[in-house]
Amino acid sequence: FQEESDALFAAARKMKRGSAVVEELLAKTLEGEEALNDAQMDLQSMESSVLDEGTMILIQERLERTAKKTGWKPPKIEQFEEQSKPRRNATKKSQGNKARKPNPRELTSPSGHKVLVGRNRRDNEAICFALSKPTDIWMHARGCPGAHVLLCSRRGSPKVTDDDLQFAADLAAFYSDARTERRAEITTAEPKHITKPRGAPPGAVTLRQEGKTLLGKPDDVAEELKEARELSGANWSELGYRKGGKRANNKKKTAAVEKETAKKRREEARENNKRRKRKEETDWF
């Protein structure tokens, strides 16, 4: 009997140690899941066609800090280079789709200057490095995701006025997440000071030197732009909360449900661990 009881006690102690290990692994897994869900919600909160480099860098840094819990690994530069290479067996049609030309919005300032506004990352990239000239003025909403805006000032064109700068600044604020604000700070720069970090995704840039900071007023843009924006699904409620049509609303609702479900699972896991501990203490002490 003594040998059997010793064996049972040994097995119980082993199970107790195993339950502690499982409990620790479960806690780490839940923490990692929460970190990934938060990063996913941050990405979904941005416009699907515009990714802000500042927000992307913050998300990446947070994922790097929690990499041990989530198992996340940053993509290698070689992967971007490999994806950018055309396949040998690709058809001319597919190559033509990949080589689509940028198509930014084109508007006209009060003095007749062309103003380009990026619709997506490809447009933003082209505005910075392909369509800009040294005399142009680049703009972007400070501290939030938004479109890249280029106020074109070419040789032979009229002098850029304060009204032209305000017109472009209003557009930069309107086509950004600062659209619900009365005023938004707009960063300006000369195209020669715009650089692209190595391995950064399209549209992600850094500035060697900033120009004058302007104040954009998103509500001062033309009414037809507001109507077009609302028809596209990117409108806001009276309380200032953004809503993006049925698809965006469904995504937001799904993300909220997933977060709530994960929270409930964590609470249930904690309760189960507490009950398990109480049961072990009752059984062995």
Protein backbone atom coordinates (compact mmCIF):
# COMPACT_ATOMS: atom_id res chain seq x y z
CA PHE A 1 0.00 0.00 0.00
CA GLN A 2 2.83 2.38 0.79
CA GLU A 3 4.31 2.00 -2.69
CA GLU A 4 0.93 2.61 -4.30
CA SER A 5 0.27 5.68 -2.19
CA ASP A 6 3.77 7.03 -2.95
CA ALA A 7 3.14 6.48 -6.64
CA LEU A 8 -0.21 8.26 -6.42
CA PHE A 9 1.31 11.19 -4.54
CA ALA A 10 4.14 11.40 -7.09
CA ALA A 11 1.64 11.42 -9.94
CA ALA A 12 -0.42 14.09 -8.17
CA ARG A 13 2.65 16.28 -7.65
CA LYS A 14 3.55 15.85 -11.30
CA MET A 15 0.05 16.84 -12.36
CA LYS A 16 0.19 19.84 -10.06
CA ARG A 17 3.46 21.00 -11.62
CA GLY A 18 2.01 20.39 -15.06
CA SER A 19 -1.09 22.43 -14.28
CA ALA A 20 1.10 25.34 -13.18
CA VAL A 21 3.04 25.17 -16.46
CA VAL A 22 -0.18 24.99 -18.47
CA GLU A 23 -1.58 27.92 -16.51
CA GLU A 24 1.50 30.01 -17.30
CA LEU A 25 1.39 29.07 -21.00
CA LEU A 26 -2.32 29.86 -21.15
CA ALA A 27 -1.76 33.28 -19.59
CA LYS A 28 1.01 34.07 -22.10
CA THR A 29 -1.17 32.88 -24.98
CA LEU A 30 -4.06 35.07 -23.90
CA GLU A 31 -1.77 38.08 -23.50
CA GLY A 32 -0.33 37.46 -26.96
CA GLU A 33 -3.81 37.13 -28.44
CA GLU A 34 -4.82 40.43 -26.85
CA ALA A 35 -1.74 42.18 -28.28
CA LEU A 36 -2.45 40.86 -31.78
CA ASN A 37 -6.14 41.84 -31.55
CA ASP A 38 -5.16 45.37 -30.50
CA ALA A 39 -2.78 45.65 -33.45
CA GLN A 40 -5.48 44.37 -35.80
CA MET A 41 -7.99 46.91 -34.52
CA ASP A 42 -5.44 49.72 -34.93
CA LEU A 43 -4.86 48.68 -38.53
CA GLN A 44 -8.58 48.43 -39.24
CA SER A 45 -9.14 51.90 -37.79
CA MET A 46 -7.07 53.38 -40.60
CA GLU A 47 -8.46 53.92 -44.08
CA SER A 48 -8.09 50.87 -46.25
CA SER A 49 -6.47 52.95 -49.01
CA VAL A 50 -4.17 55.08 -46.84
CA LEU A 51 -1.61 53.84 -44.33
CA ASP A 52 0.18 56.38 -42.17
CA GLU A 53 3.87 55.65 -41.65
CA GLY A 54 3.88 57.00 -38.08
CA THR A 55 1.05 54.75 -36.96
CA MET A 56 2.58 51.76 -38.75
CA ILE A 57 5.91 52.31 -36.96
CA LEU A 58 4.16 52.49 -33.56
CA ILE A 59 2.27 49.26 -34.28
CA GLN A 60 5.49 47.55 -35.39
CA GLU A 61 7.37 48.66 -32.26
CA ARG A 62 4.56 47.34 -30.06
CA LEU A 63 4.60 44.00 -31.90
CA GLU A 64 8.36 43.79 -31.49
CA ARG A 65 8.04 44.37 -27.73
CA THR A 66 5.47 41.57 -27.44
CA ALA A 67 7.15 39.24 -29.93
CA LYS A 68 7.95 36.63 -27.26
CA LYS A 69 4.25 36.31 -26.42
CA THR A 70 2.85 36.56 -29.95
CA GLY A 71 5.58 34.90 -32.00
CA TRP A 72 5.47 37.84 -34.43
CA LYS A 73 8.48 38.30 -36.69
CA PRO A 74 9.14 41.45 -38.75
CA PRO A 75 9.15 40.86 -42.52
CA LYS A 76 12.56 40.81 -44.13
CA ILE A 77 13.57 43.29 -46.80
CA GLU A 78 14.30 40.39 -49.14
CA GLN A 79 10.62 39.43 -49.00
CA PHE A 80 9.56 42.85 -50.29
CA GLU A 81 12.21 42.67 -53.02
CA GLU A 82 11.12 39.17 -54.00
CA GLN A 83 7.46 40.21 -54.13
CA SER A 84 8.33 43.23 -56.27
CA LYS A 85 10.06 41.08 -58.90
CA PRO A 86 7.78 40.10 -61.80
CA ARG A 87 7.25 36.39 -62.36
CA ARG A 88 8.75 34.94 -65.50
CA ASN A 89 5.53 33.25 -66.55
CA ALA A 90 3.32 36.24 -65.82
CA THR A 91 1.10 37.29 -68.68
CA LYS A 92 1.24 40.73 -70.26
CA LYS A 93 -2.15 41.49 -68.80
CA SER A 94 -1.06 40.79 -65.23
CA GLN A 95 2.13 42.81 -65.77
CA GLY A 96 0.01 45.65 -67.06
CA ASN A 97 -2.14 45.55 -63.92
CA LYS A 98 0.93 45.69 -61.70
CA ALA A 99 2.26 48.66 -63.63
CA ARG A 100 -0.90 50.70 -63.27
CA LYS A 101 -0.22 54.40 -63.23
CA PRO A 102 -1.03 56.45 -60.14
CA ASN A 103 -4.31 58.30 -60.24
CA PRO A 104 -4.38 60.98 -57.52
CA ARG A 105 -7.22 63.46 -57.19
CA GLU A 106 -6.59 66.67 -59.11
CA LEU A 107 -8.02 69.94 -57.87
CA THR A 108 -7.32 73.59 -58.63
CA SER A 109 -6.31 76.19 -56.06
CA PRO A 110 -7.72 79.76 -56.04
CA SER A 111 -4.75 81.03 -58.10
CA GLY A 112 -4.98 78.19 -60.59
CA HIS A 113 -2.31 75.85 -59.21
CA LYS A 114 -2.83 72.11 -59.56
CA VAL A 115 -3.24 70.27 -56.25
CA LEU A 116 -2.73 66.50 -56.12
CA VAL A 117 -4.27 64.38 -53.35
CA GLY A 118 -3.33 60.72 -52.97
CA ARG A 119 -6.10 58.12 -53.08
CA ASN A 120 -3.95 55.22 -51.88
CA ARG A 121 -0.40 54.21 -51.03
CA ARG A 122 0.63 54.03 -54.68
CA ASP A 123 -0.57 57.59 -55.25
CA ASN A 124 1.18 58.81 -52.11
CA GLU A 125 4.42 57.21 -53.25
CA ALA A 126 4.13 58.80 -56.69
CA ILE A 127 3.31 62.23 -55.25
CA CYS A 128 6.49 62.14 -53.17
CA PHE A 129 8.98 60.78 -55.69
CA ALA A 130 7.55 60.75 -59.23
CA LEU A 131 5.10 63.62 -59.66
CA SER A 132 6.71 66.27 -57.47
CA LYS A 133 9.08 69.01 -58.60
CA PRO A 134 11.62 70.93 -56.46
CA THR A 135 9.37 74.02 -56.45
CA ASP A 136 6.27 72.15 -55.22
CA ILE A 137 5.00 72.06 -51.63
CA TRP A 138 4.20 68.72 -49.98
CA MET A 139 1.65 68.50 -47.14
CA HIS A 140 0.35 65.92 -44.69
CA ALA A 141 -1.81 66.00 -41.55
CA ARG A 142 0.42 65.87 -38.49
CA GLY A 143 0.15 62.98 -36.08
CA CYS A 144 -2.59 60.99 -37.81
CA PRO A 145 -3.17 58.89 -40.96
CA GLY A 146 -4.00 60.86 -44.05
CA ALA A 147 -3.43 61.43 -47.74
CA HIS A 148 -0.31 63.05 -49.17
CA VAL A 149 -1.08 66.42 -50.78
CA LEU A 150 1.07 68.26 -53.33
CA LEU A 151 0.61 71.93 -54.19
CA CYS A 152 2.21 72.24 -57.62
CA SER A 153 4.16 75.44 -58.26
CA ARG A 154 5.78 75.17 -61.65
CA ARG A 155 7.83 77.53 -63.79
CA GLY A 156 5.66 80.20 -65.41
CA SER A 157 2.75 79.67 -63.01
CA PRO A 158 1.47 82.45 -60.71
CA LYS A 159 3.05 82.98 -57.32
CA VAL A 160 1.64 80.76 -54.58
CA THR A 161 -0.59 82.82 -52.29
CA ASP A 162 -1.78 82.29 -48.74
CA ASP A 163 -5.16 81.28 -50.14
CA ASP A 164 -3.49 78.55 -52.19
CA LEU A 165 -1.65 77.24 -49.12
CA GLN A 166 -4.86 77.30 -47.08
CA PHE A 167 -6.75 75.50 -49.85
CA ALA A 168 -4.20 72.66 -49.92
CA ALA A 169 -3.98 72.53 -46.11
CA ASP A 170 -7.77 72.19 -45.87
CA LEU A 171 -7.60 69.25 -48.28
CA ALA A 172 -4.83 67.58 -46.27
CA ALA A 173 -6.96 67.90 -43.13
CA PHE A 174 -10.15 66.76 -44.86
CA TYR A 175 -8.55 63.63 -46.33
CA SER A 176 -7.18 62.49 -42.98
CA ASP A 177 -8.38 61.19 -39.63
CA ALA A 178 -8.44 64.81 -38.42
CA ARG A 179 -11.52 65.48 -40.54
CA THR A 180 -13.74 65.74 -37.46
CA GLU A 181 -11.62 68.52 -35.97
CA ARG A 182 -12.24 72.19 -36.53
CA ARG A 183 -8.56 72.76 -37.14
CA ALA A 184 -5.67 70.38 -37.74
CA GLU A 185 -1.94 70.97 -37.91
CA ILE A 186 -0.53 70.33 -41.38
CA THR A 187 3.13 69.55 -41.94
CA THR A 188 4.73 71.00 -45.08
CA ALA A 189 8.03 70.17 -46.73
CA GLU A 190 9.98 70.61 -49.93
CA PRO A 191 10.07 67.42 -52.02
CA LYS A 192 13.87 67.31 -51.82
CA HIS A 193 13.61 66.73 -48.06
CA ILE A 194 11.34 63.67 -48.43
CA THR A 195 13.11 60.33 -48.04
CA LYS A 196 11.95 56.72 -48.00
CA PRO A 197 13.28 54.39 -45.26
CA ARG A 198 14.80 51.19 -46.51
CA GLY A 199 12.26 48.38 -46.58
CA ALA A 200 9.35 50.70 -45.79
CA PRO A 201 5.98 49.99 -47.48
CA PRO A 202 4.71 52.23 -50.30
CA GLY A 203 3.71 55.69 -49.09
CA ALA A 204 5.82 55.54 -45.92
CA VAL A 205 8.28 58.45 -45.86
CA THR A 206 10.39 60.49 -43.48
CA LEU A 207 11.35 64.16 -43.62
CA ARG A 208 14.88 65.45 -43.30
CA GLN A 209 13.55 68.96 -42.78
CA GLU A 210 10.04 70.29 -42.20
CA GLY A 211 8.69 73.52 -43.54
CA LYS A 212 6.08 75.89 -42.14
CA THR A 213 3.26 74.33 -40.12
CA LEU A 214 -0.20 75.30 -41.36
CA LEU A 215 -3.65 74.96 -39.84
CA GLY A 216 -6.09 73.08 -42.05
CA LYS A 217 -9.85 73.55 -41.73
CA PRO A 218 -11.52 70.39 -43.07
CA ASP A 219 -14.99 71.92 -42.96
CA ASP A 220 -13.96 74.62 -45.47
CA VAL A 221 -13.55 72.25 -48.43
CA ALA A 222 -16.08 72.29 -51.27
CA GLU A 223 -19.46 70.70 -50.60
CA GLU A 224 -19.11 68.32 -53.55
CA LEU A 225 -16.03 66.81 -51.90
CA LYS A 226 -17.98 66.22 -48.69
CA GLU A 227 -20.83 64.61 -50.62
CA ALA A 228 -18.44 62.37 -52.53
CA ARG A 229 -16.77 61.38 -49.27
CA GLU A 230 -20.09 60.45 -47.69
CA LEU A 231 -21.15 58.45 -50.74
CA SER A 232 -17.92 56.47 -50.50
CA GLY A 233 -18.92 55.44 -46.98
CA ALA A 234 -16.35 57.49 -45.05
CA ASN A 235 -18.63 59.74 -43.02
CA TRP A 236 -18.92 60.70 -39.38
CA SER A 237 -21.69 60.77 -36.81
CA GLU A 238 -22.90 63.89 -35.05
CA LEU A 239 -20.78 63.00 -32.01
CA GLY A 240 -17.64 62.88 -34.14
CA TYR A 241 -17.31 59.11 -34.31
CA ARG A 242 -16.25 57.79 -37.67
CA LYS A 243 -18.38 55.27 -39.50
CA GLY A 244 -17.54 53.75 -42.83
CA GLY A 245 -20.57 52.19 -44.49
CA LYS A 246 -21.89 48.67 -44.00
CA ARG A 247 -18.63 46.89 -44.69
CA ALA A 248 -16.57 49.08 -42.35
CA ASN A 249 -19.27 48.94 -39.69
CA ASN A 250 -19.34 45.15 -39.91
CA LYS A 251 -15.56 45.00 -39.56
CA LYS A 252 -15.65 47.27 -36.54
CA LYS A 253 -18.50 45.29 -34.99
CA THR A 254 -16.72 41.99 -35.62
CA ALA A 255 -13.50 43.29 -34.06
CA ALA A 256 -15.40 44.51 -31.00
CA VAL A 257 -17.15 41.14 -30.62
CA GLU A 258 -13.85 39.29 -30.96
CA LYS A 259 -12.25 41.49 -28.32
CA GLU A 260 -15.16 40.98 -25.95
CA THR A 261 -15.05 37.21 -26.55
CA ALA A 262 -11.32 37.13 -25.84
CA LYS A 263 -11.90 39.09 -22.65
CA LYS A 264 -14.54 36.58 -21.51
CA ARG A 265 -12.20 33.68 -22.30
CA ARG A 266 -9.47 35.26 -20.20
CA GLU A 267 -11.85 35.77 -17.28
CA GLU A 268 -13.08 32.18 -17.56
CA ALA A 269 -9.50 30.92 -17.64
CA ARG A 270 -8.65 32.89 -14.50
CA GLU A 271 -11.73 31.52 -12.71
CA ASN A 272 -10.89 27.98 -13.77
CA ASN A 273 -7.34 28.42 -12.48
CA LYS A 274 -8.64 29.74 -9.15
CA ARG A 275 -11.06 26.80 -8.82
CA ARG A 276 -8.28 24.37 -9.72
CA LYS A 277 -6.01 25.86 -7.07
CA ARG A 278 -8.72 25.73 -4.43
CA LYS A 279 -9.47 22.10 -5.33
CA GLU A 280 -5.78 21.17 -5.11
CA GLU A 281 -5.46 22.85 -1.74
CA THR A 282 -8.56 20.97 -0.53
CA ASP A 283 -7.26 17.65 -1.85
CA TRP A 284 -3.71 17.82 -0.55
CA PHE A 285 -3.67 20.05 2.51
